[in-house]
Protein backbone atom coordinates (compact mmCIF):
# COMPACT_ATOMS: atom_id res chain seq x y z
CA MET A 1 -28.08 -26.71 15.11
CA ASN A 2 -27.52 -23.55 17.17
CA VAL A 3 -24.21 -23.53 19.05
CA LEU A 4 -23.29 -20.95 21.70
CA VAL A 5 -19.84 -20.09 23.09
CA SER A 6 -19.99 -18.05 26.31
CA LEU A 7 -17.82 -17.05 29.26
CA LEU A 8 -19.00 -17.58 32.83
CA GLY A 9 -19.25 -14.17 34.46
CA SER A 10 -18.12 -14.30 38.08
CA THR A 11 -19.93 -11.04 38.90
CA LEU A 12 -23.05 -10.97 36.71
CA ASP A 13 -23.73 -14.72 36.74
CA GLY A 14 -23.06 -14.87 40.48
CA ALA A 15 -25.48 -12.08 41.33
CA GLY A 16 -27.93 -14.37 43.16
CA LYS A 17 -25.60 -17.01 44.52
CA THR A 18 -26.24 -16.31 48.24
CA ARG A 19 -29.99 -15.94 48.02
CA GLY A 20 -31.20 -19.46 47.15
CA LEU A 21 -34.37 -19.34 45.06
CA ALA A 22 -34.17 -15.56 45.00
CA ARG A 23 -31.54 -15.90 42.29
CA TRP A 24 -34.38 -16.56 39.81
CA ASN A 25 -35.52 -12.99 40.32
CA VAL A 26 -32.14 -11.62 39.21
CA TRP A 27 -30.88 -11.22 35.64
CA ARG A 28 -27.93 -13.53 35.07
CA PRO A 29 -26.65 -13.34 31.46
CA SER A 30 -25.54 -16.96 31.01
CA VAL A 31 -28.81 -18.33 32.40
CA ALA A 32 -30.94 -15.66 30.71
CA LEU A 33 -29.80 -16.88 27.28
CA ALA A 34 -31.38 -20.26 28.02
CA MET A 35 -34.66 -18.55 28.97
CA GLN A 36 -35.29 -16.84 25.60
CA SER A 37 -38.56 -17.95 24.02
CA ASP A 38 -37.49 -17.21 20.44
CA LEU A 39 -33.93 -18.53 20.50
CA HIS A 40 -32.95 -22.07 21.44
CA PHE A 41 -29.38 -23.43 21.72
CA ASP A 42 -28.75 -27.09 21.02
CA ARG A 43 -25.20 -26.95 22.34
CA TYR A 44 -23.88 -24.52 24.97
CA HIS A 45 -20.08 -24.22 25.48
CA LEU A 46 -19.57 -22.52 28.86
CA ILE A 47 -15.98 -21.41 29.43
CA TYR A 48 -15.06 -20.91 33.09
CA GLN A 49 -12.08 -20.56 35.40
CA PRO A 50 -11.53 -23.56 37.74
CA LYS A 51 -11.61 -21.35 40.82
CA PHE A 52 -15.31 -20.68 40.10
CA GLU A 53 -16.23 -24.39 40.10
CA GLY A 54 -19.13 -23.90 42.53
CA LEU A 55 -20.67 -21.08 40.52
CA LYS A 56 -20.21 -23.09 37.33
CA LYS A 57 -22.17 -26.05 38.75
CA ARG A 58 -25.05 -23.82 39.83
CA VAL A 59 -25.23 -22.04 36.46
CA VAL A 60 -25.08 -25.33 34.52
CA GLU A 61 -27.93 -26.77 36.62
CA ASP A 62 -30.01 -23.62 36.11
CA ILE A 63 -29.44 -23.65 32.32
CA LYS A 64 -30.59 -27.29 32.18
CA GLN A 65 -33.63 -26.43 34.26
CA CYS A 66 -34.57 -23.60 31.87
CA SER A 67 -33.78 -25.56 28.70
CA PRO A 68 -33.61 -29.34 29.30
CA SER A 69 -32.85 -30.10 25.61
CA THR A 70 -29.72 -27.92 25.60
CA GLU A 71 -26.43 -29.84 25.89
CA VAL A 72 -24.24 -27.80 28.25
CA ILE A 73 -20.49 -28.35 27.85
CA PRO A 74 -18.46 -26.74 30.67
CA GLU A 75 -14.85 -26.05 29.59
CA ALA A 76 -12.22 -24.97 32.11
CA ILE A 77 -9.54 -22.46 31.13
CA ASP A 78 -7.17 -21.39 33.88
CA MET A 79 -6.15 -17.72 33.71
CA ASP A 80 -3.77 -16.15 36.21
CA ASP A 81 -4.84 -12.63 35.28
CA PRO A 82 -8.09 -12.14 33.29
CA TRP A 83 -6.96 -8.55 32.57
CA ASP A 84 -3.67 -9.59 30.92
CA PHE A 85 -4.41 -9.23 27.23
CA GLU A 86 -1.54 -11.46 26.07
CA GLU A 87 -2.49 -14.31 28.39
CA VAL A 88 -6.24 -14.10 27.78
CA TYR A 89 -5.92 -13.91 23.99
CA SER A 90 -3.40 -16.77 23.95
CA LYS A 91 -5.65 -19.03 26.05
CA LEU A 92 -8.78 -18.27 24.03
CA TYR A 93 -6.88 -18.66 20.76
CA GLU A 94 -5.67 -22.10 21.87
CA TYR A 95 -9.26 -22.93 22.80
CA SER A 96 -10.50 -21.93 19.31
CA ARG A 97 -7.84 -24.08 17.64
CA SER A 98 -8.67 -27.12 19.76
CA HIS A 99 -12.32 -27.21 18.62
CA ASP A 100 -13.92 -27.80 15.27
CA PHE A 101 -16.34 -24.95 14.72
CA SER A 102 -16.69 -25.59 10.99
CA GLY A 103 -20.02 -27.42 10.75
CA GLU A 104 -21.70 -26.17 7.58
CA ASP A 105 -25.22 -26.74 8.95
CA ASP A 106 -24.52 -25.19 12.35
CA ASN A 107 -25.26 -21.63 13.44
CA TYR A 108 -22.63 -20.30 15.85
CA TYR A 109 -23.11 -17.50 18.38
CA ILE A 110 -20.40 -15.83 20.47
CA HIS A 111 -21.66 -14.26 23.72
CA ILE A 112 -19.73 -11.07 24.57
CA THR A 113 -21.55 -9.82 27.66
CA THR A 114 -19.79 -11.74 30.42
CA GLY A 115 -16.15 -11.99 31.42
CA SER A 116 -13.62 -9.17 31.79
CA HIS A 117 -13.55 -6.43 29.16
CA VAL A 118 -10.24 -7.88 27.97
CA ALA A 119 -11.86 -11.29 27.45
CA GLN A 120 -14.76 -9.70 25.54
CA ILE A 121 -12.32 -7.87 23.26
CA CYS A 122 -10.42 -11.12 22.64
CA LEU A 123 -13.63 -12.94 21.71
CA PHE A 124 -14.46 -10.13 19.30
CA LEU A 125 -11.01 -10.35 17.65
CA LEU A 126 -11.20 -14.14 17.36
CA ASN A 127 -14.63 -13.82 15.79
CA GLU A 128 -13.48 -11.13 13.37
CA SER A 129 -10.53 -13.32 12.30
CA HIS A 130 -12.88 -16.33 11.89
CA HIS A 131 -11.09 -18.42 14.52
CA LEU A 132 -14.41 -18.42 16.38
CA PRO A 133 -16.91 -18.12 13.53
CA GLY A 134 -20.51 -17.02 13.81
CA ARG A 135 -22.47 -14.02 14.99
CA LEU A 136 -21.91 -12.00 18.12
CA ILE A 137 -24.73 -11.98 20.65
CA GLN A 138 -25.13 -9.46 23.46
CA THR A 139 -27.56 -9.66 26.40
CA HIS A 140 -29.15 -6.90 28.49
CA PRO A 141 -31.05 -6.75 31.80
CA GLY A 142 -34.73 -5.91 31.70
CA SER A 143 -37.92 -5.99 33.76
CA SER A 144 -37.79 -9.81 33.94
CA PRO A 145 -34.93 -12.27 34.70
CA GLU A 146 -34.56 -13.27 31.02
CA GLY A 147 -33.82 -9.70 29.97
CA SER A 148 -33.27 -9.24 26.23
CA TYR A 149 -30.63 -9.87 23.59
CA ASN A 150 -29.48 -8.54 20.27
CA ILE A 151 -27.34 -10.07 17.56
CA ILE A 152 -24.50 -7.97 16.15
CA ASP A 153 -24.01 -8.34 12.40
CA LEU A 154 -20.48 -7.33 11.38
CA ASP A 155 -21.29 -7.28 7.67
CA LEU A 156 -20.85 -3.52 7.36
CA SER A 157 -21.91 -3.56 3.72
CA ARG A 158 -25.48 -4.14 4.94
CA TYR A 159 -25.55 -0.82 6.75
CA ASP A 160 -26.33 1.83 4.14
CA MET A 161 -25.20 4.78 6.22
CA LEU A 162 -21.87 3.15 7.07
CA ALA A 163 -21.37 1.98 3.51
CA LYS A 164 -21.97 5.50 2.22
CA ARG A 165 -19.65 6.96 4.82
CA PHE A 166 -16.88 4.51 3.93
CA ALA A 167 -17.42 5.25 0.24
CA VAL A 168 -17.06 8.98 0.89
CA GLU A 169 -13.93 8.42 2.99
CA ARG A 170 -12.44 6.23 0.25
CA GLU A 171 -13.15 8.88 -2.38
CA ASN A 172 -11.47 11.42 -0.11
CA ASP A 173 -8.42 9.13 0.19
CA LEU A 174 -8.24 8.72 -3.59
CA ASP A 175 -8.61 12.47 -4.07
CA PHE A 176 -5.88 12.96 -1.47
CA LEU A 177 -3.45 10.67 -3.28
CA LYS A 178 -4.11 12.60 -6.51
CA SER A 179 -3.50 15.95 -4.75
CA GLY A 180 -7.10 16.92 -5.45
CA ILE A 181 -6.59 16.72 -9.23
CA ALA A 182 -9.66 15.43 -11.10
CA THR A 183 -7.81 12.98 -13.33
CA GLY A 184 -9.66 11.26 -16.17
CA ASN A 185 -7.14 8.64 -17.35
CA LYS A 186 -8.65 5.23 -16.53
CA GLN A 187 -5.30 3.46 -16.24
CA PHE A 188 -4.03 6.04 -13.76
CA ASN A 189 -7.27 6.13 -11.75
CA ASP A 190 -7.34 2.32 -11.48
CA LEU A 191 -3.71 2.44 -10.37
CA ILE A 192 -4.45 5.00 -7.64
CA GLU A 193 -7.39 2.91 -6.38
CA THR A 194 -5.11 -0.10 -5.97
CA ILE A 195 -2.39 1.99 -4.29
CA GLU A 196 -4.98 3.39 -1.85
CA ARG A 197 -6.02 -0.11 -0.79
CA VAL A 198 -2.40 -1.21 -0.39
CA ALA A 199 -1.39 1.92 1.52
CA ILE A 200 -4.21 1.47 4.04
CA ARG A 201 -3.92 -2.30 4.45
CA SER A 202 -0.23 -3.13 4.06
CA SER A 203 3.10 -2.06 5.56
CA GLU A 204 5.15 -4.04 3.01
CA PRO A 205 7.56 -2.23 0.62
CA ILE A 206 6.08 -0.43 -2.38
CA LEU A 207 7.96 -0.04 -5.69
CA LEU A 208 6.98 2.89 -7.93
CA THR A 209 8.35 2.65 -11.45
CA GLY A 210 7.98 4.94 -14.43
CA PRO A 211 9.82 7.60 -16.41
CA THR A 212 11.59 10.54 -14.78
CA GLY A 213 9.12 13.26 -13.84
CA ALA A 214 6.07 10.94 -13.78
CA GLY A 215 5.33 11.93 -10.17
CA LYS A 216 6.89 9.11 -8.15
CA SER A 217 8.29 11.37 -5.42
CA GLN A 218 5.05 13.30 -5.00
CA LEU A 219 2.98 10.10 -4.86
CA ALA A 220 5.34 8.60 -2.26
CA ARG A 221 4.87 11.63 -0.03
CA ARG A 222 1.10 11.49 -0.45
CA ILE A 223 1.12 7.81 0.55
CA TYR A 224 3.04 8.81 3.68
CA GLU A 225 0.58 11.60 4.48
CA LEU A 226 -2.38 9.26 3.93
CA LYS A 227 -0.91 6.69 6.31
CA LYS A 228 -0.26 9.40 8.86
CA LEU A 229 -3.83 10.70 8.60
CA ASN A 230 -5.01 7.16 9.33
CA ASN A 231 -2.69 6.92 12.38
CA GLN A 232 -0.72 4.07 10.81
CA ILE A 233 2.68 5.71 11.26
CA LYS A 234 4.12 8.37 13.55
CA GLY A 235 7.63 8.96 12.23
CA GLU A 236 9.04 11.16 9.49
CA PHE A 237 9.04 10.96 5.69
CA VAL A 238 12.69 10.63 4.69
CA ASN A 239 13.40 11.22 0.98
CA VAL A 240 16.71 9.91 -0.40
CA ASN A 241 17.90 10.29 -4.02
CA CYS A 242 20.17 7.27 -4.40
CA ALA A 243 21.68 8.72 -7.60
CA THR A 244 23.56 11.24 -5.43
CA LEU A 245 25.15 8.59 -3.18
CA ARG A 246 28.56 7.09 -3.88
CA GLY A 247 31.07 4.98 -1.91
CA ASP A 248 31.54 5.59 1.83
CA GLN A 249 29.19 8.54 1.54
CA ALA A 250 26.34 6.22 0.56
CA MET A 251 26.94 3.93 3.52
CA SER A 252 27.24 6.85 5.89
CA VAL A 253 24.15 8.70 4.64
CA LEU A 254 21.94 5.63 4.71
CA PHE A 255 23.23 3.58 7.64
CA GLY A 256 25.16 6.15 9.67
CA HIS A 257 28.74 5.92 10.92
CA LYS A 258 30.84 6.02 14.06
CA LYS A 259 33.37 8.71 14.73
CA GLY A 260 36.64 7.91 12.94
CA ALA A 261 35.06 5.35 10.58
CA PHE A 262 36.72 7.13 7.64
CA THR A 263 38.63 10.32 6.93
CA GLY A 264 36.40 13.27 7.83
CA ALA A 265 34.11 11.32 10.17
CA ALA A 266 34.57 13.72 13.08
CA SER A 267 31.46 12.60 15.00
CA ASP A 268 28.83 9.89 15.12
CA ARG A 269 26.05 10.05 12.54
CA PRO A 270 22.78 8.06 12.95
CA GLY A 271 21.95 7.82 9.20
CA LEU A 272 18.70 8.23 7.31
CA LEU A 273 17.40 4.73 7.98
CA LYS A 274 17.48 5.55 11.68
CA LYS A 275 15.85 8.91 11.02
CA ALA A 276 12.99 7.08 9.28
CA ASP A 277 12.28 4.93 12.38
CA GLY A 278 8.49 4.74 12.78
CA GLY A 279 7.95 6.51 9.46
CA ILE A 280 8.60 6.01 5.76
CA LEU A 281 11.90 5.85 3.91
CA PHE A 282 11.61 6.77 0.23
CA LEU A 283 14.56 5.57 -1.82
CA ASP A 284 14.26 7.32 -5.17
CA GLU A 285 16.33 5.90 -8.03
CA ILE A 286 17.06 2.76 -6.00
CA GLY A 287 18.62 1.20 -9.10
CA GLU A 288 21.61 3.51 -8.59
CA LEU A 289 22.61 1.90 -5.27
CA GLY A 290 25.90 0.00 -5.20
CA ALA A 291 26.22 -3.71 -4.40
CA ASP A 292 27.31 -3.20 -0.77
CA GLU A 293 24.47 -0.81 -0.04
CA GLN A 294 21.99 -3.22 -1.63
CA ALA A 295 23.18 -6.05 0.63
CA MET A 296 22.89 -3.96 3.79
CA LEU A 297 19.52 -2.59 2.73
CA LEU A 298 18.15 -6.11 2.22
CA ARG A 299 19.00 -7.06 5.80
CA ALA A 300 17.62 -3.78 7.13
CA ILE A 301 14.30 -4.45 5.35
CA GLU A 302 14.02 -8.05 6.56
CA GLU A 303 15.35 -7.72 10.11
CA LYS A 304 15.03 -3.97 10.79
CA LYS A 305 18.69 -4.08 11.87
CA PHE A 306 21.94 -2.85 10.32
CA PHE A 307 25.51 -1.93 11.23
CA PRO A 308 26.51 1.75 10.98
CA LEU A 309 29.83 2.20 9.20
CA GLY A 310 32.70 1.46 11.60
CA SER A 311 30.42 0.15 14.36
CA ASP A 312 30.44 -3.23 16.09
CA SER A 313 26.96 -2.65 17.50
CA GLU A 314 23.73 -3.01 15.53
CA SER A 315 21.29 -0.18 15.08
CA GLU A 316 17.54 -0.76 14.74
CA SER A 317 14.89 1.09 12.74
CA ASN A 318 11.30 0.03 12.15
CA PHE A 319 10.60 1.90 8.93
CA GLU A 320 8.26 1.35 6.01
CA LEU A 321 9.86 1.48 2.58
CA ILE A 322 8.83 3.03 -0.73
CA CYS A 323 11.23 2.76 -3.67
CA GLY A 324 11.24 4.62 -6.97
CA THR A 325 13.07 3.94 -10.23
CA ASN A 326 12.94 4.72 -13.92
CA ARG A 327 15.03 1.63 -14.68
CA ASP A 328 13.92 -1.85 -15.68
CA LEU A 329 15.12 -3.60 -12.51
CA GLU A 330 14.41 -7.05 -13.95
CA GLN A 331 16.88 -6.23 -16.72
CA GLU A 332 19.31 -4.81 -14.16
CA VAL A 333 19.17 -8.16 -12.34
CA CYS A 334 19.85 -10.05 -15.56
CA GLU A 335 22.87 -7.85 -16.22
CA GLY A 336 24.21 -8.28 -12.69
CA ARG A 337 23.72 -4.70 -11.51
CA PHE A 338 20.89 -5.33 -9.05
CA ARG A 339 20.37 -8.09 -6.50
CA SER A 340 17.57 -10.49 -7.37
CA ASP A 341 16.78 -11.12 -3.68
CA LEU A 342 16.46 -7.39 -3.02
CA LEU A 343 14.15 -6.94 -6.01
CA ALA A 344 12.02 -9.86 -4.78
CA ARG A 345 11.74 -8.13 -1.40
CA ILE A 346 10.78 -4.65 -2.66
CA ASN A 347 8.42 -5.45 -5.52
CA LEU A 348 5.60 -7.22 -3.68
CA TRP A 349 3.61 -4.10 -4.58
CA ASP A 350 4.92 -2.86 -7.94
CA PHE A 351 3.15 0.09 -9.58
CA GLN A 352 4.06 1.49 -13.01
CA LEU A 353 3.23 5.20 -13.31
CA PRO A 354 2.40 6.29 -16.86
CA GLY A 355 4.16 9.31 -18.34
CA LEU A 356 2.35 12.55 -19.14
CA ALA A 357 2.28 11.70 -22.87
CA ASP A 358 0.24 8.60 -21.97
CA ARG A 359 -2.20 10.68 -19.89
CA ARG A 360 -2.99 13.58 -22.20
CA GLU A 361 -6.58 13.78 -20.91
CA ASP A 362 -5.08 14.69 -17.52
CA ILE A 363 -2.98 17.60 -18.81
CA GLU A 364 -5.71 20.23 -18.40
CA PRO A 365 -6.58 19.47 -14.74
CA ASN A 366 -2.85 19.30 -13.99
CA LEU A 367 -2.41 22.65 -15.71
CA ASP A 368 -4.91 24.18 -13.25
CA TYR A 369 -3.10 22.44 -10.37
CA GLU A 370 0.25 23.93 -11.46
CA LEU A 371 -1.29 27.41 -11.67
CA LYS A 372 -2.66 26.95 -8.14
CA CYS A 373 0.78 25.87 -6.88
CA PHE A 374 2.39 28.88 -8.55
CA ALA A 375 -0.11 31.19 -6.84
CA GLU A 376 0.64 29.62 -3.45
CA LYS A 377 4.40 30.08 -3.89
CA SER A 378 4.39 33.53 -5.45
CA GLY A 379 1.28 35.06 -3.94
CA LYS A 380 0.12 36.01 -7.46
CA HIS A 381 -3.10 34.67 -8.99
CA ILE A 382 -2.45 33.88 -12.66
CA THR A 383 -4.98 32.74 -15.28
CA PHE A 384 -5.09 32.20 -19.08
CA ASN A 385 -7.26 34.21 -21.39
CA LYS A 386 -9.54 32.06 -23.54
CA GLU A 387 -7.42 32.14 -26.72
CA ALA A 388 -4.18 31.46 -24.85
CA ARG A 389 -5.59 28.45 -23.06
CA ALA A 390 -6.91 26.99 -26.30
CA GLU A 391 -3.51 27.52 -27.98
CA PHE A 392 -1.71 25.82 -25.10
CA MET A 393 -4.05 22.81 -25.08
CA ARG A 394 -3.61 22.32 -28.84
CA TYR A 395 0.12 22.10 -28.26
CA ALA A 396 -0.21 19.92 -25.15
CA LEU A 397 -2.49 17.37 -26.86
CA ASP A 398 -0.52 17.23 -30.10
CA PRO A 399 0.99 13.71 -30.47
CA GLU A 400 4.18 15.38 -31.71
CA THR A 401 4.63 17.02 -28.29
CA LEU A 402 6.90 14.56 -26.49
CA TRP A 403 6.68 15.65 -22.82
CA ARG A 404 10.01 13.91 -22.20
CA GLY A 405 10.32 15.39 -18.72
CA ASN A 406 6.66 14.65 -17.96
CA PHE A 407 5.24 16.76 -15.10
CA ARG A 408 8.56 18.52 -14.62
CA ASP A 409 8.21 19.87 -18.16
CA LEU A 410 4.65 21.00 -17.41
CA ASN A 411 5.70 22.64 -14.15
CA ALA A 412 8.58 24.49 -15.82
CA LEU A 413 6.37 25.65 -18.68
CA VAL A 414 3.65 26.99 -16.37
CA THR A 415 6.24 28.73 -14.21
CA ARG A 416 7.77 30.46 -17.26
CA MET A 417 4.42 31.53 -18.72
CA ALA A 418 3.10 32.77 -15.37
CA THR A 419 6.30 34.72 -14.71
CA LEU A 420 6.29 36.35 -18.16
CA SER A 421 2.58 37.27 -18.11
CA ASN A 422 1.39 40.81 -17.49
CA GLY A 423 -1.53 41.80 -15.32
CA GLY A 424 -2.10 38.28 -13.98
CA ARG A 425 -3.21 36.96 -17.41
CA ILE A 426 -1.27 34.63 -19.71
CA ASP A 427 -2.01 35.81 -23.25
CA GLU A 428 -1.68 34.12 -26.64
CA LYS A 429 1.65 35.80 -27.43
CA VAL A 430 3.33 34.38 -24.30
CA VAL A 431 2.01 30.88 -25.08
CA LYS A 432 3.14 30.97 -28.72
CA ASN A 433 6.61 32.23 -27.79
CA GLU A 434 7.04 29.39 -25.30
CA ILE A 435 5.79 26.80 -27.78
CA ASP A 436 8.25 28.04 -30.43
CA ARG A 437 11.09 27.86 -27.91
CA LEU A 438 10.19 24.33 -26.89
CA ARG A 439 9.84 23.08 -30.45
CA LYS A 440 13.32 24.30 -31.26
CA ASN A 441 14.80 22.72 -28.11
CA GLN A 442 12.82 19.50 -28.29
CA LYS A 443 13.16 18.64 -31.94
CA ARG A 444 12.23 14.99 -32.36
CA PRO A 445 15.33 13.04 -33.42
CA SER A 446 15.02 11.08 -36.62
CA GLY A 447 15.39 7.30 -36.75
CA GLU A 448 18.84 7.74 -38.25
CA GLU A 449 19.90 10.07 -35.46
CA ARG A 450 18.72 7.58 -32.88
CA LEU A 451 20.59 4.69 -34.43
CA SER A 452 23.71 6.84 -34.68
CA LYS A 453 23.45 7.65 -30.99
CA LEU A 454 22.85 4.01 -30.05
CA LEU A 455 25.29 2.25 -32.41
CA GLY A 456 27.92 4.88 -33.17
CA ALA A 457 28.46 7.23 -36.10
CA ASP A 458 29.76 4.43 -38.35
CA TYR A 459 26.74 2.16 -37.86
CA GLN A 460 25.80 2.21 -41.57
CA GLU A 461 29.19 0.75 -42.44
CA ARG A 462 28.76 -2.14 -39.98
CA PHE A 463 25.14 -3.24 -40.54
CA ASP A 464 22.99 -4.03 -43.57
CA GLU A 465 20.23 -1.60 -44.49
CA PHE A 466 17.75 -4.50 -44.19
CA ASP A 467 18.72 -5.07 -40.52
CA LEU A 468 18.74 -1.37 -39.71
CA CYS A 469 15.16 -0.89 -40.95
CA GLN A 470 13.98 -3.63 -38.60
CA LEU A 471 16.06 -2.33 -35.69
CA SER A 472 14.72 1.20 -36.15
CA ARG A 473 11.16 -0.11 -35.79
CA VAL A 474 12.11 -2.14 -32.70
CA VAL A 475 13.64 0.96 -31.10
CA ASP A 476 10.45 2.94 -31.79
CA VAL A 477 8.33 0.26 -30.07
CA CYS A 478 10.69 0.17 -27.08
CA ARG A 479 10.47 3.95 -26.71
CA ALA A 480 6.66 3.77 -26.68
CA SER A 481 6.51 0.87 -24.16
CA ARG A 482 6.73 0.96 -20.39
CA SER A 483 8.69 -2.27 -20.03
CA ARG A 484 10.61 -4.82 -22.06
CA ALA A 485 7.79 -7.32 -21.54
CA GLU A 486 5.23 -4.87 -22.97
CA ALA A 487 7.46 -4.13 -25.97
CA GLY A 488 7.96 -7.86 -26.55
CA LYS A 489 4.21 -8.50 -26.59
CA LYS A 490 3.75 -5.82 -29.26
CA LEU A 491 6.65 -6.99 -31.42
CA PHE A 492 5.81 -10.71 -31.26
CA ALA A 493 2.00 -10.37 -31.15
CA VAL A 494 1.43 -12.83 -34.01
CA SER A 495 4.11 -15.47 -33.44
CA ARG A 496 3.39 -15.65 -29.70
CA GLN A 497 -0.07 -17.04 -30.49
CA GLN A 498 1.53 -20.06 -32.13
CA ARG A 499 3.71 -20.97 -29.12
CA ASN A 500 2.84 -23.13 -26.12
CA THR A 501 5.08 -21.04 -23.91
CA THR A 502 5.99 -17.40 -24.46
CA ASN A 503 8.88 -15.32 -23.20
CA ASP A 504 8.62 -12.19 -25.31
CA SER A 505 10.84 -10.21 -22.96
CA ASP A 506 13.67 -12.73 -23.32
CA ARG A 507 13.27 -12.86 -27.12
CA LEU A 508 13.51 -9.08 -27.35
CA GLY A 509 16.51 -9.00 -25.00
CA LYS A 510 18.42 -11.53 -27.11
CA TYR A 511 17.58 -9.62 -30.30
CA LEU A 512 18.92 -6.35 -28.87
CA GLU A 513 22.05 -8.09 -27.55
CA LYS A 514 23.15 -8.70 -31.17
CA TYR A 515 23.56 -4.95 -31.49
CA GLY A 516 25.02 -4.41 -28.01
CA LEU A 517 21.79 -2.74 -26.85
CA THR A 518 19.36 -3.06 -23.92
CA PHE A 519 15.71 -2.12 -23.63
CA GLN A 520 16.57 0.80 -21.35
CA MET A 521 19.05 2.19 -23.88
CA CYS A 522 16.34 2.11 -26.56
CA LYS A 523 13.75 3.53 -24.15
CA ASN A 524 15.97 6.51 -23.33
CA SER A 525 17.13 7.16 -26.91
């Protein structure tokens, strides 16, 4: 069955209303649809305003005359102002909810030629959201009263040119998020693809986790710039390092204060949440926030309202939020240092950035990127000679090279080598000198040194050698894992297969508690 939903057009459908039979010589969209030789409608829902009752009767009679087998169903919707978007959309939405347009064997068509432009837009939106399902149909005048029609297919994937254009734009967005760096690590590339989709489609908070120097701050700024390029936000990017905020200063910096709120508050201050209104607030190291700031932040995220310090009046800010942390916030919640309700609110989109040591195939393209950045800052073009580049890459890819500071280490190393080079070329001597310096400064601690740091210098007097051997291995696994859950899966890989329910993270946490340790302590050892 073919079912049509159409609006009565007071202007176009009434074109021949004063000319009797002459109206059949004039193109009238609602009637013309019933005159098509290759398209028949079994049911015709004609929406009209009660004040056009006379026109409605004439159009219904003419449709029946053209297509006697079509069931015409006039449906009155009273609209005070057909150009008021809110009213028109509300009335048409209510209409869509009051009808069952879900017949599996029915073909639905939505006519978007008649009615005000506002009404046509509303029909389009209701069709796109599937409240009025089916295909859009548009009619056109021609040499005869029936004119012509075309059906609009919104399945964009069927249009090769559009599909290719969208694919190119998406690749550009991905390239943009990666700062133009041709990364080869599959885990990282998959992560960026997901972040791109979320950044374009969602305004909910994003949580970026990962080790210090993994690129959380840079990625947050690129997300902001991508949203701005797509006209999704208009405000500023406000970057806050929560590790630098303490006490009244934290409240004041984030939420603002009124004059006299505390000693030294000589004037009003709006705060950074207010500054981020219409833009993005990036809270780096959010795990460092105190309990009071966490409580106020939760309300500001949910209600977009907060009280500046010392104020009885609320302030408002409609900001989007990105958070960054190198802590295991789930563990912080368990230990009472982070609010569980705040974590639930900020980790709808939770992305774990791998460290540089886990992305060694991306070191070389990032090396070129760092050289480019150095040239932009210094105005000096620096390159490696062939032998020097090979020497550097051997060091960079060596599993013994820790890259503890991740991209910060790479940036510092490139800056030093570029500064010390002569004639714009980094030679083998400069590279070897820097590698020797780093190996002396970054000597890998032994297992015994780690345990001494974690348990105290007298640890061998307090624990059996048997237990210490096991603990040393557990610490190594924690250091190589991104989260406690990941470490637990590695450590209990065999026994977990024999359990109906698994909670590897909890098992690992309880094991470490016996020694007064946490996953994060082991991770940072």
